[in-house]
Amino acid sequence: MNLTSKTYELRRDIIDMVYRSGAGHVGGDLSVIDILATLYFRVMNVTPENFADGERDRFLLSKGHCVDALYMVLGEKGFFDKEEAKNTFSAYQSRYIGHPNTEVPGIEINSGSLGHGLALGVGMALAAKMDHKRYRTYVVLGDGEMAEGSNYEAMMAAGHYRLDNLCATVDVNRLQISGTTKEVMDGGDMGARFRTFGWNVIEVSDGNDCGQLEEAYRLAASYRGKPTAVIANTQKGRGVSFMEDRKEWHHGVLSKEQYECAVKELTEKIESWKEAECDESNNQQTGNL
């Protein structure tokens, strides 16, 4: 599987679901999708088949308003039918509501009250240590969410207990609903804040590059004695040109024309990558003759 091409297929799925439902946090979905896809398809030990196994890895989406992206990744992973999620997202009595909930297969916790996910992740990681289990816990947060004080209590506890089985990723897309994160609540040097609380920190210059992310998570898994924070510098609305770096797409409803434009743009990129993959495969075969 070419993971970059797959993330753009997932972006198209997200656009489709958000357009059908008339709801969703599409800008953050498009910034975080590479992180989610890398974790689920390259890093974590979690599948529909092992979800009841106590040794499975745990994943918590603390920035729960971007559940649209998580639903599409879980559907692609085989936890449920993606079309069911697309057709019923945010509808009356649907289990696919606008924040993660445990009625949906593959969801570990109800989340979306910002600032809670990391503390829950600390608890899961500490439980693994106490029970002598090998699973790892992964938490994804938003940079705007880091204004919540509860995160810093969790960071302090994780450092104190030396939870090297815990990995937090901050999706730094620099925009939130009312402006830039710097304007709303300047978080300063995010890596330095984690280091102060005793964390190992890995800075990812392009958090929409699956290769960079995969290497960061490999390093995180091999680090001993401290929890790891991956600071992923991403782009809000990544992949759809008229959404990129625009705060109004934090939560935006697409018109029919915008939907068609977004799908066309994403489809062209997907086809371009598949054509490049085909050419590369043919060149390799020719070289082996």
C-alpha atoms as a PDB file:
ATOM      1  CA  MET A   1       0.000   0.000   0.000  1.00  0.00           C
ATOM      2  CA  ASN A   2       1.286   3.462  -0.930  1.00  0.00           C
ATOM      3  CA  LEU A   3       0.328   5.294   2.239  1.00  0.00           C
ATOM      4  CA  THR A   4       0.440   8.779   0.709  1.00  0.00           C
ATOM      5  CA  SER A   5      -1.991   7.784  -2.017  1.00  0.00           C
ATOM      6  CA  LYS A   6      -4.185   6.099   0.601  1.00  0.00           C
ATOM      7  CA  THR A   7      -4.324   9.263   2.725  1.00  0.00           C
ATOM      8  CA  TYR A   8      -5.650  11.199  -0.260  1.00  0.00           C
ATOM      9  CA  GLU A   9      -8.285   8.535  -0.869  1.00  0.00           C
ATOM     10  CA  LEU A  10      -9.239   8.943   2.794  1.00  0.00           C
ATOM     11  CA  ARG A  11      -9.344  12.722   2.322  1.00  0.00           C
ATOM     12  CA  ARG A  12     -11.827  12.184  -0.499  1.00  0.00           C
ATOM     13  CA  ASP A  13     -13.879   9.931   1.780  1.00  0.00           C
ATOM     14  CA  ILE A  14     -13.879  12.649   4.453  1.00  0.00           C
ATOM     15  CA  ILE A  15     -15.018  15.311   1.972  1.00  0.00           C
ATOM     16  CA  ASP A  16     -17.781  12.960   0.811  1.00  0.00           C
ATOM     17  CA  MET A  17     -18.996  12.273   4.354  1.00  0.00           C
ATOM     18  CA  VAL A  18     -18.883  15.911   5.445  1.00  0.00           C
ATOM     19  CA  TYR A  19     -20.744  17.019   2.318  1.00  0.00           C
ATOM     20  CA  ARG A  20     -23.458  14.373   2.702  1.00  0.00           C
ATOM     21  CA  SER A  21     -24.019  15.215   6.368  1.00  0.00           C
ATOM     22  CA  GLY A  22     -23.586  18.968   6.174  1.00  0.00           C
ATOM     23  CA  ALA A  23     -21.423  18.769   9.310  1.00  0.00           C
ATOM     24  CA  GLY A  24     -17.868  18.105  10.370  1.00  0.00           C
ATOM     25  CA  HIS A  25     -14.524  19.696  11.198  1.00  0.00           C
ATOM     26  CA  VAL A  26     -13.031  19.253   7.783  1.00  0.00           C
ATOM     27  CA  GLY A  27      -9.930  21.473   8.128  1.00  0.00           C
ATOM     28  CA  GLY A  28      -8.569  19.548  11.101  1.00  0.00           C
ATOM     29  CA  ASP A  29      -9.601  16.250   9.527  1.00  0.00           C
ATOM     30  CA  LEU A  30      -7.355  16.978   6.566  1.00  0.00           C
ATOM     31  CA  SER A  31      -4.410  17.998   8.758  1.00  0.00           C
ATOM     32  CA  VAL A  32      -4.583  14.952  11.041  1.00  0.00           C
ATOM     33  CA  ILE A  33      -5.382  12.197   8.533  1.00  0.00           C
ATOM     34  CA  ASP A  34      -1.719  11.412   7.764  1.00  0.00           C
ATOM     35  CA  ILE A  35      -1.021  10.961  11.479  1.00  0.00           C
ATOM     36  CA  LEU A  36      -3.986   8.608  11.905  1.00  0.00           C
ATOM     37  CA  ALA A  37      -3.216   6.596   8.775  1.00  0.00           C
ATOM     38  CA  THR A  38       0.445   6.191   9.718  1.00  0.00           C
ATOM     39  CA  LEU A  39      -0.475   4.991  13.191  1.00  0.00           C
ATOM     40  CA  TYR A  40      -3.165   2.538  12.072  1.00  0.00           C
ATOM     41  CA  PHE A  41      -1.476   1.166   8.937  1.00  0.00           C
ATOM     42  CA  ARG A  42       2.211   1.291   9.863  1.00  0.00           C
ATOM     43  CA  VAL A  43       2.666   1.521  13.621  1.00  0.00           C
ATOM     44  CA  MET A  44       0.004   0.288  16.040  1.00  0.00           C
ATOM     45  CA  ASN A  45      -0.871  -3.280  16.911  1.00  0.00           C
ATOM     46  CA  VAL A  46      -4.645  -2.924  16.690  1.00  0.00           C
ATOM     47  CA  THR A  47      -7.099  -4.600  14.311  1.00  0.00           C
ATOM     48  CA  PRO A  48     -10.765  -5.606  14.332  1.00  0.00           C
ATOM     49  CA  GLU A  49      -9.601  -9.143  15.121  1.00  0.00           C
ATOM     50  CA  ASN A  50      -7.495  -8.268  18.193  1.00  0.00           C
ATOM     51  CA  PHE A  51      -9.557  -5.406  19.615  1.00  0.00           C
ATOM     52  CA  ALA A  52     -10.641  -7.524  22.602  1.00  0.00           C
ATOM     53  CA  ASP A  53      -7.043  -8.595  23.290  1.00  0.00           C
ATOM     54  CA  GLY A  54      -5.583  -6.929  26.370  1.00  0.00           C
ATOM     55  CA  GLU A  55      -2.206  -6.646  24.631  1.00  0.00           C
ATOM     56  CA  ARG A  56      -3.510  -4.498  21.757  1.00  0.00           C
ATOM     57  CA  ASP A  57      -2.193  -0.962  21.457  1.00  0.00           C
ATOM     58  CA  ARG A  58      -4.507   1.825  22.602  1.00  0.00           C
ATOM     59  CA  PHE A  59      -5.400   4.915  20.579  1.00  0.00           C
ATOM     60  CA  LEU A  60      -7.146   8.018  21.950  1.00  0.00           C
ATOM     61  CA  LEU A  61      -8.247  10.943  19.797  1.00  0.00           C
ATOM     62  CA  SER A  62      -8.220  13.778  22.314  1.00  0.00           C
ATOM     63  CA  LYS A  63      -9.111  16.322  19.612  1.00  0.00           C
ATOM     64  CA  GLY A  64     -12.361  14.433  19.229  1.00  0.00           C
ATOM     65  CA  HIS A  65     -14.043  16.958  16.947  1.00  0.00           C
ATOM     66  CA  CYS A  66     -11.900  15.477  14.149  1.00  0.00           C
ATOM     67  CA  VAL A  67     -13.582  12.101  14.504  1.00  0.00           C
ATOM     68  CA  ASP A  68     -14.641  12.283  10.838  1.00  0.00           C
ATOM     69  CA  ALA A  69     -11.053  11.376   9.894  1.00  0.00           C
ATOM     70  CA  LEU A  70     -10.891   8.619  12.509  1.00  0.00           C
ATOM     71  CA  TYR A  71     -14.139   7.063  11.251  1.00  0.00           C
ATOM     72  CA  MET A  72     -12.756   6.838   7.726  1.00  0.00           C
ATOM     73  CA  VAL A  73      -9.489   5.263   8.927  1.00  0.00           C
ATOM     74  CA  LEU A  74     -11.324   2.728  11.110  1.00  0.00           C
ATOM     75  CA  GLY A  75     -13.643   1.914   8.217  1.00  0.00           C
ATOM     76  CA  GLU A  76     -10.684   1.413   5.900  1.00  0.00           C
ATOM     77  CA  LYS A  77      -9.092  -0.804   8.556  1.00  0.00           C
ATOM     78  CA  GLY A  78     -12.195  -3.022   8.530  1.00  0.00           C
ATOM     79  CA  PHE A  79     -13.874  -2.144  11.828  1.00  0.00           C
ATOM     80  CA  PHE A  80     -17.122  -1.279  10.002  1.00  0.00           C
ATOM     81  CA  ASP A  81     -18.507  -0.336   6.585  1.00  0.00           C
ATOM     82  CA  LYS A  82     -17.342   3.135   5.587  1.00  0.00           C
ATOM     83  CA  GLU A  83     -20.524   3.695   3.597  1.00  0.00           C
ATOM     84  CA  GLU A  84     -22.617   3.254   6.739  1.00  0.00           C
ATOM     85  CA  ALA A  85     -20.612   6.007   8.411  1.00  0.00           C
ATOM     86  CA  LYS A  86     -20.809   8.265   5.361  1.00  0.00           C
ATOM     87  CA  ASN A  87     -24.561   7.843   5.037  1.00  0.00           C
ATOM     88  CA  THR A  88     -25.463   8.336   8.703  1.00  0.00           C
ATOM     89  CA  PHE A  89     -22.781  10.650  10.115  1.00  0.00           C
ATOM     90  CA  SER A  90     -24.376  13.162  12.532  1.00  0.00           C
ATOM     91  CA  ALA A  91     -27.865  11.901  11.648  1.00  0.00           C
ATOM     92  CA  TYR A  92     -30.588  11.353  14.242  1.00  0.00           C
ATOM     93  CA  GLN A  93     -29.931   8.166  16.277  1.00  0.00           C
ATOM     94  CA  SER A  94     -26.753   7.388  14.343  1.00  0.00           C
ATOM     95  CA  ARG A  95     -23.862   5.916  16.319  1.00  0.00           C
ATOM     96  CA  TYR A  96     -21.519   7.945  14.100  1.00  0.00           C
ATOM     97  CA  ILE A  97     -21.873  11.205  15.992  1.00  0.00           C
ATOM     98  CA  GLY A  98     -19.576  14.228  15.868  1.00  0.00           C
ATOM     99  CA  HIS A  99     -17.231  13.004  18.606  1.00  0.00           C
ATOM    100  CA  PRO A 100     -15.789   9.531  19.312  1.00  0.00           C
ATOM    101  CA  ASN A 101     -18.068   7.223  21.260  1.00  0.00           C
ATOM    102  CA  THR A 102     -17.632   3.607  22.253  1.00  0.00           C
ATOM    103  CA  GLU A 103     -20.747   2.433  20.397  1.00  0.00           C
ATOM    104  CA  VAL A 104     -18.548   2.570  17.286  1.00  0.00           C
ATOM    105  CA  PRO A 105     -16.222  -0.437  16.843  1.00  0.00           C
ATOM    106  CA  GLY A 106     -12.578   0.479  17.344  1.00  0.00           C
ATOM    107  CA  ILE A 107     -13.193   3.476  19.626  1.00  0.00           C
ATOM    108  CA  GLU A 108     -11.502   3.162  23.028  1.00  0.00           C
ATOM    109  CA  ILE A 109     -13.115   6.099  24.866  1.00  0.00           C
ATOM    110  CA  ASN A 110     -15.722   8.814  24.487  1.00  0.00           C
ATOM    111  CA  SER A 111     -13.693  11.956  23.837  1.00  0.00           C
ATOM    112  CA  GLY A 112     -13.894  15.502  22.579  1.00  0.00           C
ATOM    113  CA  SER A 113     -13.984  17.478  25.813  1.00  0.00           C
ATOM    114  CA  LEU A 114     -10.631  19.036  25.035  1.00  0.00           C
ATOM    115  CA  GLY A 115      -7.809  18.458  27.494  1.00  0.00           C
ATOM    116  CA  HIS A 116      -9.015  15.063  28.739  1.00  0.00           C
ATOM    117  CA  GLY A 117      -7.405  12.603  26.336  1.00  0.00           C
ATOM    118  CA  LEU A 118      -3.825  12.808  27.538  1.00  0.00           C
ATOM    119  CA  ALA A 119      -4.788  12.194  31.170  1.00  0.00           C
ATOM    120  CA  LEU A 120      -6.722   9.094  30.128  1.00  0.00           C
ATOM    121  CA  GLY A 121      -3.726   7.976  28.076  1.00  0.00           C
ATOM    122  CA  VAL A 122      -1.495   8.375  31.133  1.00  0.00           C
ATOM    123  CA  GLY A 123      -3.852   6.108  33.063  1.00  0.00           C
ATOM    124  CA  MET A 124      -3.780   3.439  30.352  1.00  0.00           C
ATOM    125  CA  ALA A 125       0.005   3.576  30.056  1.00  0.00           C
ATOM    126  CA  LEU A 126       0.436   3.391  33.836  1.00  0.00           C
ATOM    127  CA  ALA A 127      -1.964   0.418  33.959  1.00  0.00           C
ATOM    128  CA  ALA A 128       0.167  -1.366  31.353  1.00  0.00           C
ATOM    129  CA  LYS A 129       3.248  -0.870  33.535  1.00  0.00           C
ATOM    130  CA  MET A 130       1.458  -2.104  36.659  1.00  0.00           C
ATOM    131  CA  ASP A 131       0.020  -5.141  34.867  1.00  0.00           C
ATOM    132  CA  HIS A 132       3.317  -5.936  33.088  1.00  0.00           C
ATOM    133  CA  LYS A 133       1.695  -5.653  29.662  1.00  0.00           C
ATOM    134  CA  ARG A 134       3.548  -4.655  26.513  1.00  0.00           C
ATOM    135  CA  TYR A 135       0.944  -2.537  24.760  1.00  0.00           C
ATOM    136  CA  ARG A 136       1.653   1.085  23.895  1.00  0.00           C
ATOM    137  CA  THR A 137      -0.761   3.997  24.218  1.00  0.00           C
ATOM    138  CA  TYR A 138      -0.988   6.704  21.549  1.00  0.00           C
ATOM    139  CA  VAL A 139      -2.807  10.016  22.062  1.00  0.00           C
ATOM    140  CA  VAL A 140      -3.417  12.684  19.395  1.00  0.00           C
ATOM    141  CA  LEU A 141      -4.053  16.250  20.519  1.00  0.00           C
ATOM    142  CA  GLY A 142      -4.567  19.563  18.744  1.00  0.00           C
ATOM    143  CA  ASP A 143      -2.306  22.564  19.241  1.00  0.00           C
ATOM    144  CA  GLY A 144      -5.310  24.706  20.208  1.00  0.00           C
ATOM    145  CA  GLU A 145      -6.223  22.058  22.766  1.00  0.00           C
ATOM    146  CA  MET A 146      -2.876  22.590  24.491  1.00  0.00           C
ATOM    147  CA  ALA A 147      -4.331  25.722  26.111  1.00  0.00           C
ATOM    148  CA  GLU A 148      -6.233  23.373  28.456  1.00  0.00           C
ATOM    149  CA  GLY A 149      -4.463  23.233  31.822  1.00  0.00           C
ATOM    150  CA  SER A 150      -5.324  19.576  32.442  1.00  0.00           C
ATOM    151  CA  ASN A 151      -2.823  18.624  29.727  1.00  0.00           C
ATOM    152  CA  TYR A 152       0.033  19.934  31.856  1.00  0.00           C
ATOM    153  CA  GLU A 153      -1.001  17.879  34.874  1.00  0.00           C
ATOM    154  CA  ALA A 154      -1.020  14.835  32.596  1.00  0.00           C
ATOM    155  CA  MET A 155       2.371  15.759  31.129  1.00  0.00           C
ATOM    156  CA  MET A 156       3.788  16.099  34.648  1.00  0.00           C
ATOM    157  CA  ALA A 157       2.419  12.704  35.733  1.00  0.00           C
ATOM    158  CA  ALA A 158       3.676  10.957  32.597  1.00  0.00           C
ATOM    159  CA  GLY A 159       7.161  12.345  33.136  1.00  0.00           C
ATOM    160  CA  HIS A 160       7.115  11.488  36.833  1.00  0.00           C
ATOM    161  CA  TYR A 161       6.183   7.857  36.180  1.00  0.00           C
ATOM    162  CA  ARG A 162       8.607   7.605  33.239  1.00  0.00           C
ATOM    163  CA  LEU A 163       5.909   6.227  30.954  1.00  0.00           C
ATOM    164  CA  ASP A 164       8.009   5.237  27.964  1.00  0.00           C
ATOM    165  CA  ASN A 165       5.034   3.223  26.660  1.00  0.00           C
ATOM    166  CA  LEU A 166       3.120   6.472  26.050  1.00  0.00           C
ATOM    167  CA  CYS A 167       3.366   8.549  22.865  1.00  0.00           C
ATOM    168  CA  ALA A 168       1.510  11.842  22.449  1.00  0.00           C
ATOM    169  CA  THR A 169       1.249  13.558  19.067  1.00  0.00           C
ATOM    170  CA  VAL A 170       0.358  17.239  18.797  1.00  0.00           C
ATOM    171  CA  ASP A 171      -1.236  18.135  15.450  1.00  0.00           C
ATOM    172  CA  VAL A 172       0.227  21.631  15.046  1.00  0.00           C
ATOM    173  CA  ASN A 173      -1.869  23.105  12.240  1.00  0.00           C
ATOM    174  CA  ARG A 174      -1.702  26.582  13.847  1.00  0.00           C
ATOM    175  CA  LEU A 175      -5.372  27.450  13.340  1.00  0.00           C
ATOM    176  CA  GLN A 176      -8.516  27.089  15.428  1.00  0.00           C
ATOM    177  CA  ILE A 177     -12.083  28.265  15.128  1.00  0.00           C
ATOM    178  CA  SER A 178     -11.462  31.899  16.074  1.00  0.00           C
ATOM    179  CA  GLY A 179      -8.004  32.525  14.626  1.00  0.00           C
ATOM    180  CA  THR A 180      -4.418  31.366  14.845  1.00  0.00           C
ATOM    181  CA  THR A 181      -3.393  29.484  17.962  1.00  0.00           C
ATOM    182  CA  LYS A 182      -0.742  32.140  18.557  1.00  0.00           C
ATOM    183  CA  GLU A 183      -3.390  34.879  18.578  1.00  0.00           C
ATOM    184  CA  VAL A 184      -5.891  32.953  20.707  1.00  0.00           C
ATOM    185  CA  MET A 185      -3.465  31.494  23.271  1.00  0.00           C
ATOM    186  CA  ASP A 186       0.210  31.426  22.396  1.00  0.00           C
ATOM    187  CA  GLY A 187       1.652  28.035  23.368  1.00  0.00           C
ATOM    188  CA  GLY A 188       5.233  29.119  22.810  1.00  0.00           C
ATOM    189  CA  ASP A 189       7.779  26.380  22.178  1.00  0.00           C
ATOM    190  CA  MET A 190       5.647  23.244  22.478  1.00  0.00           C
ATOM    191  CA  GLY A 191       8.625  20.893  22.472  1.00  0.00           C
ATOM    192  CA  ALA A 192      10.292  22.841  25.278  1.00  0.00           C
ATOM    193  CA  ARG A 193       7.135  22.571  27.389  1.00  0.00           C
ATOM    194  CA  PHE A 194       7.107  18.782  27.064  1.00  0.00           C
ATOM    195  CA  ARG A 195      10.827  18.574  27.817  1.00  0.00           C
ATOM    196  CA  THR A 196      10.299  20.581  30.998  1.00  0.00           C
ATOM    197  CA  PHE A 197       8.003  17.828  32.244  1.00  0.00           C
ATOM    198  CA  GLY A 198      10.533  15.086  31.465  1.00  0.00           C
ATOM    199  CA  TRP A 199       9.458  13.996  27.985  1.00  0.00           C
ATOM    200  CA  ASN A 200      11.488  12.888  25.005  1.00  0.00           C
ATOM    201  CA  VAL A 201      10.497  15.145  22.084  1.00  0.00           C
ATOM    202  CA  ILE A 202      10.617  14.444  18.346  1.00  0.00           C
ATOM    203  CA  GLU A 203       9.943  17.362  16.002  1.00  0.00           C
ATOM    204  CA  VAL A 204       8.442  16.426  12.619  1.00  0.00           C
ATOM    205  CA  SER A 205       8.957  19.260  10.151  1.00  0.00           C
ATOM    206  CA  ASP A 206       6.213  18.013   7.801  1.00  0.00           C
ATOM    207  CA  GLY A 207       3.504  16.264   9.784  1.00  0.00           C
ATOM    208  CA  ASN A 208       1.658  15.485   6.554  1.00  0.00           C
ATOM    209  CA  ASP A 209       4.584  13.349   5.346  1.00  0.00           C
ATOM    210  CA  CYS A 210       3.857   9.730   6.257  1.00  0.00           C
ATOM    211  CA  GLY A 211       7.514   8.754   5.896  1.00  0.00           C
ATOM    212  CA  GLN A 212       8.638  11.351   8.430  1.00  0.00           C
ATOM    213  CA  LEU A 213       5.854  10.318  10.791  1.00  0.00           C
ATOM    214  CA  GLU A 214       6.664   6.612  10.533  1.00  0.00           C
ATOM    215  CA  GLU A 215      10.310   7.288  11.383  1.00  0.00           C
ATOM    216  CA  ALA A 216       9.272   9.437  14.358  1.00  0.00           C
ATOM    217  CA  TYR A 217       7.060   6.676  15.747  1.00  0.00           C
ATOM    218  CA  ARG A 218       9.817   4.110  15.227  1.00  0.00           C
ATOM    219  CA  LEU A 219      12.167   6.274  17.286  1.00  0.00           C
ATOM    220  CA  ALA A 220       9.494   6.820  19.926  1.00  0.00           C
ATOM    221  CA  ALA A 221       8.938   3.089  20.350  1.00  0.00           C
ATOM    222  CA  SER A 222      12.647   2.476  20.861  1.00  0.00           C
ATOM    223  CA  TYR A 223      13.152   5.242  23.438  1.00  0.00           C
ATOM    224  CA  ARG A 224      13.443   4.125  27.056  1.00  0.00           C
ATOM    225  CA  GLY A 225      12.871   5.958  30.323  1.00  0.00           C
ATOM    226  CA  LYS A 226      10.626   8.818  29.174  1.00  0.00           C
ATOM    227  CA  PRO A 227       7.288   9.289  27.382  1.00  0.00           C
ATOM    228  CA  THR A 228       7.611  10.716  23.871  1.00  0.00           C
ATOM    229  CA  ALA A 229       5.875  13.725  22.335  1.00  0.00           C
ATOM    230  CA  VAL A 230       5.785  13.947  18.543  1.00  0.00           C
ATOM    231  CA  ILE A 231       5.336  17.573  17.493  1.00  0.00           C
ATOM    232  CA  ALA A 232       3.852  17.256  14.001  1.00  0.00           C
ATOM    233  CA  ASN A 233       3.823  20.487  11.994  1.00  0.00           C
ATOM    234  CA  THR A 234       0.828  20.088   9.696  1.00  0.00           C
ATOM    235  CA  GLN A 235      -1.340  22.211   7.421  1.00  0.00           C
ATOM    236  CA  LYS A 236      -4.996  22.872   8.108  1.00  0.00           C
ATOM    237  CA  GLY A 237      -7.102  21.720   5.158  1.00  0.00           C
ATOM    238  CA  ARG A 238      -4.148  19.878   3.554  1.00  0.00           C
ATOM    239  CA  GLY A 239      -4.915  18.527   0.073  1.00  0.00           C
ATOM    240  CA  VAL A 240      -7.753  20.855  -0.932  1.00  0.00           C
ATOM    241  CA  SER A 241      -6.250  24.119  -2.150  1.00  0.00           C
ATOM    242  CA  PHE A 242      -9.115  26.441  -1.220  1.00  0.00           C
ATOM    243  CA  MET A 243      -9.184  25.033   2.343  1.00  0.00           C
ATOM    244  CA  GLU A 244      -5.463  25.122   3.091  1.00  0.00           C
ATOM    245  CA  ASP A 245      -4.437  27.499   5.898  1.00  0.00           C
ATOM    246  CA  ARG A 246      -7.966  28.938   6.170  1.00  0.00           C
ATOM    247  CA  LYS A 247      -9.522  29.128   9.650  1.00  0.00           C
ATOM    248  CA  GLU A 248     -13.050  29.301   8.218  1.00  0.00           C
ATOM    249  CA  TRP A 249     -12.668  25.617   7.305  1.00  0.00           C
ATOM    250  CA  HIS A 250     -12.180  24.624  10.929  1.00  0.00           C
ATOM    251  CA  HIS A 251     -15.886  23.799  10.739  1.00  0.00           C
ATOM    252  CA  GLY A 252     -17.292  24.495   7.297  1.00  0.00           C
ATOM    253  CA  VAL A 253     -20.123  23.184   5.127  1.00  0.00           C
ATOM    254  CA  LEU A 254     -19.313  22.675   1.467  1.00  0.00           C
ATOM    255  CA  SER A 255     -21.533  23.924  -1.322  1.00  0.00           C
ATOM    256  CA  LYS A 256     -22.154  21.586  -4.264  1.00  0.00           C
ATOM    257  CA  GLU A 257     -19.592  23.499  -6.325  1.00  0.00           C
ATOM    258  CA  GLN A 258     -16.973  23.353  -3.553  1.00  0.00           C
ATOM    259  CA  TYR A 259     -17.609  19.646  -3.046  1.00  0.00           C
ATOM    260  CA  GLU A 260     -17.149  18.892  -6.734  1.00  0.00           C
ATOM    261  CA  CYS A 261     -14.012  21.023  -6.887  1.00  0.00           C
ATOM    262  CA  ALA A 262     -12.491  19.284  -3.847  1.00  0.00           C
ATOM    263  CA  VAL A 263     -13.279  15.797  -5.151  1.00  0.00           C
ATOM    264  CA  LYS A 264     -11.840  16.644  -8.576  1.00  0.00           C
ATOM    265  CA  GLU A 265      -8.626  18.001  -7.062  1.00  0.00           C
ATOM    266  CA  LEU A 266      -8.146  14.998  -4.775  1.00  0.00           C
ATOM    267  CA  THR A 267      -8.979  12.508  -7.531  1.00  0.00           C
ATOM    268  CA  GLU A 268      -6.393  14.057  -9.851  1.00  0.00           C
ATOM    269  CA  LYS A 269      -3.741  13.747  -7.143  1.00  0.00           C
ATOM    270  CA  ILE A 270      -4.674  10.117  -6.430  1.00  0.00           C
ATOM    271  CA  GLU A 271      -4.529   9.201 -10.120  1.00  0.00           C
ATOM    272  CA  SER A 272      -1.192  10.974 -10.488  1.00  0.00           C
ATOM    273  CA  TRP A 273       0.325   8.976  -7.614  1.00  0.00           C
ATOM    274  CA  LYS A 274      -1.079   5.694  -8.938  1.00  0.00           C
ATOM    275  CA  GLU A 275       0.347   6.441 -12.378  1.00  0.00           C
ATOM    276  CA  ALA A 276       3.742   7.175 -10.816  1.00  0.00           C
ATOM    277  CA  GLU A 277       3.558   3.903  -8.843  1.00  0.00           C
ATOM    278  CA  CYS A 278       2.740   1.991 -12.026  1.00  0.00           C
ATOM    279  CA  ASP A 279       5.667   3.569 -13.894  1.00  0.00           C
ATOM    280  CA  GLU A 280       8.027   2.760 -11.008  1.00  0.00           C
ATOM    281  CA  SER A 281       6.811  -0.857 -10.899  1.00  0.00           C
ATOM    282  CA  ASN A 282       7.281  -1.237 -14.673  1.00  0.00           C
ATOM    283  CA  ASN A 283      10.786   0.230 -14.457  1.00  0.00           C
ATOM    284  CA  GLN A 284      11.710  -2.212 -11.701  1.00  0.00           C
ATOM    285  CA  GLN A 285      10.388  -5.156 -13.715  1.00  0.00           C
ATOM    286  CA  THR A 286      12.289  -4.017 -16.804  1.00  0.00           C
ATOM    287  CA  GLY A 287      15.455  -3.694 -14.741  1.00  0.00           C
ATOM    288  CA  ASN A 288      15.073  -7.268 -13.534  1.00  0.00           C
ATOM    289  CA  LEU A 289      14.901  -8.710 -17.036  1.00  0.00           C
END
